[in-house]
Amino acid sequence: MATIDFKIKNVKDRSGLGATVATIDGSIDAASIQQFQSVMDKLVERGVKNLILDCSKVTYINSTGLGTLLKYADQFDGFGGHIAFIR
């Protein structure tokens, strides 16, 4: 079973606006999607509103992974939050 690793940290800009940065390491595919969703659900449950996904270490995303990313983008938008994808 493939794994996906997350490194999560909180950051603030000069004005004090906070965000959570999640660096993803691995593939987002059928083998890792449940683990990915579990981490994302925990972030939502913790009340994260502004999420930055650092994809610099993502090696592959299949169509299931893309659909899941869109689902969470819509979910964050629905409660006034934001997801940004970098790298």
N, C-alpha and C. Protein backbone atom coordinates (compact mmCIF):
# COMPACT_ATOMS: atom_id res chain seq x y z
N MET A 1 0.85 -1.19 0.00
CA MET A 1 0.00 0.00 0.00
C MET A 1 0.88 1.24 0.00
N ALA A 2 0.59 2.13 -0.89
CA ALA A 2 1.35 3.38 -0.98
C ALA A 2 0.99 4.28 0.18
N THR A 3 1.94 5.07 0.58
CA THR A 3 1.67 6.02 1.65
C THR A 3 1.89 7.43 1.14
N ILE A 4 1.35 8.32 1.88
CA ILE A 4 1.54 9.73 1.60
C ILE A 4 1.86 10.39 2.94
N ASP A 5 2.85 11.24 2.93
CA ASP A 5 3.26 11.90 4.17
C ASP A 5 2.92 13.38 4.10
N PHE A 6 2.57 13.92 5.26
CA PHE A 6 2.26 15.33 5.39
C PHE A 6 3.16 15.95 6.45
N LYS A 7 3.66 17.13 6.18
CA LYS A 7 4.30 17.96 7.19
C LYS A 7 3.42 19.20 7.29
N ILE A 8 2.92 19.46 8.47
CA ILE A 8 1.95 20.54 8.64
C ILE A 8 2.50 21.57 9.61
N LYS A 9 2.39 22.85 9.21
CA LYS A 9 2.81 23.93 10.10
C LYS A 9 1.88 25.11 9.91
N ASN A 10 1.79 25.93 10.92
CA ASN A 10 0.99 27.15 10.87
C ASN A 10 1.91 28.33 10.63
N VAL A 11 1.45 29.25 9.80
CA VAL A 11 2.22 30.46 9.48
C VAL A 11 1.32 31.67 9.58
N LYS A 12 1.94 32.84 9.74
CA LYS A 12 1.21 34.11 9.73
C LYS A 12 1.98 35.10 8.87
N ASP A 13 1.24 35.95 8.17
CA ASP A 13 1.91 37.00 7.41
C ASP A 13 2.11 38.22 8.31
N ARG A 14 2.68 39.27 7.78
CA ARG A 14 3.00 40.46 8.59
C ARG A 14 1.77 41.11 9.21
N SER A 15 0.62 40.95 8.55
CA SER A 15 -0.59 41.56 9.09
C SER A 15 -1.26 40.67 10.14
N GLY A 16 -0.73 39.46 10.34
CA GLY A 16 -1.29 38.56 11.34
C GLY A 16 -2.26 37.55 10.79
N LEU A 17 -2.50 37.57 9.46
CA LEU A 17 -3.39 36.59 8.84
C LEU A 17 -2.72 35.23 8.87
N GLY A 18 -3.41 34.24 9.40
CA GLY A 18 -2.84 32.92 9.55
C GLY A 18 -3.27 31.95 8.47
N ALA A 19 -2.44 30.95 8.26
CA ALA A 19 -2.74 29.87 7.33
C ALA A 19 -2.02 28.62 7.80
N THR A 20 -2.47 27.50 7.32
CA THR A 20 -1.82 26.22 7.58
C THR A 20 -1.17 25.77 6.29
N VAL A 21 0.11 25.40 6.36
CA VAL A 21 0.83 24.89 5.21
C VAL A 21 1.00 23.39 5.39
N ALA A 22 0.55 22.63 4.40
CA ALA A 22 0.71 21.18 4.41
C ALA A 22 1.59 20.80 3.23
N THR A 23 2.79 20.30 3.53
CA THR A 23 3.68 19.81 2.49
C THR A 23 3.38 18.33 2.28
N ILE A 24 3.03 17.98 1.07
CA ILE A 24 2.63 16.62 0.73
C ILE A 24 3.80 15.92 0.06
N ASP A 25 4.10 14.70 0.52
CA ASP A 25 5.20 13.91 -0.03
C ASP A 25 4.65 12.56 -0.46
N GLY A 26 4.62 12.31 -1.77
CA GLY A 26 4.13 11.03 -2.29
C GLY A 26 3.12 11.24 -3.39
N SER A 27 2.39 10.19 -3.69
CA SER A 27 1.38 10.21 -4.74
C SER A 27 -0.01 10.36 -4.14
N ILE A 28 -0.88 11.04 -4.87
CA ILE A 28 -2.29 11.12 -4.48
C ILE A 28 -3.04 10.27 -5.51
N ASP A 29 -3.31 9.03 -5.13
CA ASP A 29 -3.92 8.09 -6.06
C ASP A 29 -4.79 7.11 -5.28
N ALA A 30 -5.27 6.08 -5.96
CA ALA A 30 -6.20 5.14 -5.33
C ALA A 30 -5.59 4.47 -4.10
N ALA A 31 -4.29 4.26 -4.09
CA ALA A 31 -3.64 3.58 -2.96
C ALA A 31 -3.51 4.48 -1.74
N SER A 32 -3.49 5.79 -1.93
CA SER A 32 -3.25 6.70 -0.80
C SER A 32 -4.42 7.64 -0.52
N ILE A 33 -5.50 7.53 -1.29
CA ILE A 33 -6.57 8.53 -1.20
C ILE A 33 -7.25 8.53 0.16
N GLN A 34 -7.42 7.37 0.78
CA GLN A 34 -8.07 7.34 2.09
C GLN A 34 -7.22 8.04 3.14
N GLN A 35 -5.92 7.84 3.07
CA GLN A 35 -5.01 8.51 4.01
C GLN A 35 -5.04 10.02 3.77
N PHE A 36 -5.04 10.43 2.50
CA PHE A 36 -5.11 11.85 2.14
C PHE A 36 -6.40 12.46 2.70
N GLN A 37 -7.53 11.79 2.48
CA GLN A 37 -8.81 12.31 2.94
C GLN A 37 -8.86 12.38 4.47
N SER A 38 -8.26 11.43 5.13
CA SER A 38 -8.24 11.43 6.59
C SER A 38 -7.52 12.67 7.13
N VAL A 39 -6.37 12.98 6.54
CA VAL A 39 -5.62 14.17 6.98
C VAL A 39 -6.41 15.44 6.67
N MET A 40 -6.99 15.51 5.47
CA MET A 40 -7.75 16.70 5.10
C MET A 40 -8.97 16.87 6.01
N ASP A 41 -9.65 15.78 6.33
CA ASP A 41 -10.81 15.86 7.22
C ASP A 41 -10.41 16.35 8.60
N LYS A 42 -9.26 15.90 9.09
CA LYS A 42 -8.78 16.35 10.40
C LYS A 42 -8.47 17.85 10.38
N LEU A 43 -7.93 18.34 9.28
CA LEU A 43 -7.66 19.78 9.17
C LEU A 43 -8.97 20.57 9.21
N VAL A 44 -9.97 20.08 8.50
CA VAL A 44 -11.29 20.74 8.51
C VAL A 44 -11.87 20.71 9.92
N GLU A 45 -11.79 19.56 10.59
CA GLU A 45 -12.32 19.44 11.95
C GLU A 45 -11.61 20.37 12.93
N ARG A 46 -10.32 20.62 12.70
CA ARG A 46 -9.57 21.53 13.56
C ARG A 46 -9.93 22.99 13.30
N GLY A 47 -10.72 23.25 12.27
CA GLY A 47 -11.14 24.61 11.98
C GLY A 47 -10.21 25.38 11.06
N VAL A 48 -9.36 24.67 10.33
CA VAL A 48 -8.46 25.36 9.38
C VAL A 48 -9.31 26.02 8.30
N LYS A 49 -9.08 27.31 8.10
CA LYS A 49 -9.83 28.06 7.09
C LYS A 49 -8.98 28.37 5.85
N ASN A 50 -7.70 28.61 6.07
CA ASN A 50 -6.80 28.95 4.97
C ASN A 50 -5.71 27.88 4.91
N LEU A 51 -5.75 27.09 3.83
CA LEU A 51 -4.84 25.97 3.68
C LEU A 51 -3.99 26.16 2.43
N ILE A 52 -2.70 26.02 2.61
CA ILE A 52 -1.76 26.06 1.48
C ILE A 52 -1.20 24.66 1.32
N LEU A 53 -1.43 24.04 0.17
CA LEU A 53 -0.90 22.72 -0.11
C LEU A 53 0.37 22.87 -0.94
N ASP A 54 1.50 22.52 -0.35
CA ASP A 54 2.79 22.56 -1.03
C ASP A 54 2.96 21.22 -1.74
N CYS A 55 2.91 21.24 -3.05
CA CYS A 55 2.94 20.02 -3.86
C CYS A 55 4.32 19.75 -4.45
N SER A 56 5.37 20.36 -3.90
CA SER A 56 6.71 20.21 -4.48
C SER A 56 7.22 18.78 -4.42
N LYS A 57 6.70 17.96 -3.50
CA LYS A 57 7.15 16.58 -3.37
C LYS A 57 6.10 15.57 -3.84
N VAL A 58 5.05 16.07 -4.48
CA VAL A 58 4.03 15.17 -5.03
C VAL A 58 4.59 14.58 -6.33
N THR A 59 4.61 13.26 -6.40
CA THR A 59 5.18 12.60 -7.56
C THR A 59 4.13 12.23 -8.61
N TYR A 60 2.88 12.15 -8.19
CA TYR A 60 1.83 11.73 -9.13
C TYR A 60 0.47 12.03 -8.52
N ILE A 61 -0.47 12.47 -9.36
CA ILE A 61 -1.87 12.63 -8.96
C ILE A 61 -2.72 12.00 -10.06
N ASN A 62 -3.56 11.02 -9.70
CA ASN A 62 -4.44 10.44 -10.71
C ASN A 62 -5.79 11.18 -10.70
N SER A 63 -6.72 10.71 -11.51
CA SER A 63 -8.00 11.41 -11.64
C SER A 63 -8.80 11.37 -10.32
N THR A 64 -8.67 10.31 -9.56
CA THR A 64 -9.33 10.24 -8.25
C THR A 64 -8.77 11.31 -7.33
N GLY A 65 -7.45 11.48 -7.35
CA GLY A 65 -6.80 12.51 -6.54
C GLY A 65 -7.24 13.91 -6.94
N LEU A 66 -7.31 14.16 -8.26
CA LEU A 66 -7.75 15.48 -8.72
C LEU A 66 -9.19 15.77 -8.30
N GLY A 67 -10.05 14.77 -8.42
CA GLY A 67 -11.43 14.94 -8.00
C GLY A 67 -11.54 15.24 -6.51
N THR A 68 -10.71 14.57 -5.72
CA THR A 68 -10.71 14.79 -4.28
C THR A 68 -10.20 16.19 -3.94
N LEU A 69 -9.18 16.64 -4.63
CA LEU A 69 -8.68 18.01 -4.42
C LEU A 69 -9.78 19.03 -4.71
N LEU A 70 -10.52 18.82 -5.81
CA LEU A 70 -11.62 19.73 -6.15
C LEU A 70 -12.72 19.68 -5.10
N LYS A 71 -13.01 18.49 -4.57
CA LYS A 71 -14.02 18.35 -3.53
C LYS A 71 -13.66 19.20 -2.32
N TYR A 72 -12.39 19.14 -1.90
CA TYR A 72 -11.98 19.92 -0.74
C TYR A 72 -11.92 21.42 -1.06
N ALA A 73 -11.55 21.77 -2.27
CA ALA A 73 -11.57 23.19 -2.65
C ALA A 73 -12.99 23.73 -2.55
N ASP A 74 -13.97 22.97 -3.01
CA ASP A 74 -15.38 23.38 -2.90
C ASP A 74 -15.83 23.43 -1.44
N GLN A 75 -15.37 22.46 -0.65
CA GLN A 75 -15.76 22.42 0.76
C GLN A 75 -15.23 23.64 1.51
N PHE A 76 -13.96 23.98 1.28
CA PHE A 76 -13.38 25.15 1.93
C PHE A 76 -14.10 26.42 1.47
N ASP A 77 -14.39 26.51 0.18
CA ASP A 77 -15.11 27.66 -0.35
C ASP A 77 -16.49 27.79 0.30
N GLY A 78 -17.12 26.66 0.56
CA GLY A 78 -18.45 26.65 1.15
C GLY A 78 -18.51 27.22 2.55
N PHE A 79 -17.42 27.12 3.31
CA PHE A 79 -17.44 27.72 4.65
C PHE A 79 -16.56 28.97 4.75
N GLY A 80 -16.30 29.59 3.61
CA GLY A 80 -15.58 30.86 3.59
C GLY A 80 -14.08 30.72 3.71
N GLY A 81 -13.56 29.52 3.50
CA GLY A 81 -12.12 29.31 3.56
C GLY A 81 -11.50 29.31 2.18
N HIS A 82 -10.21 29.02 2.15
CA HIS A 82 -9.49 29.01 0.88
C HIS A 82 -8.43 27.92 0.88
N ILE A 83 -8.20 27.33 -0.28
CA ILE A 83 -7.09 26.41 -0.50
C ILE A 83 -6.25 26.99 -1.62
N ALA A 84 -4.94 27.03 -1.40
CA ALA A 84 -4.01 27.46 -2.43
C ALA A 84 -3.04 26.31 -2.69
N PHE A 85 -2.74 26.08 -3.95
CA PHE A 85 -1.79 25.05 -4.34
C PHE A 85 -0.50 25.74 -4.79
N ILE A 86 0.61 25.34 -4.21
CA ILE A 86 1.89 25.95 -4.60
C ILE A 86 2.86 24.86 -5.02
N ARG A 87 3.83 25.30 -5.82
CA ARG A 87 4.92 24.46 -6.28
C ARG A 87 4.45 23.27 -7.06
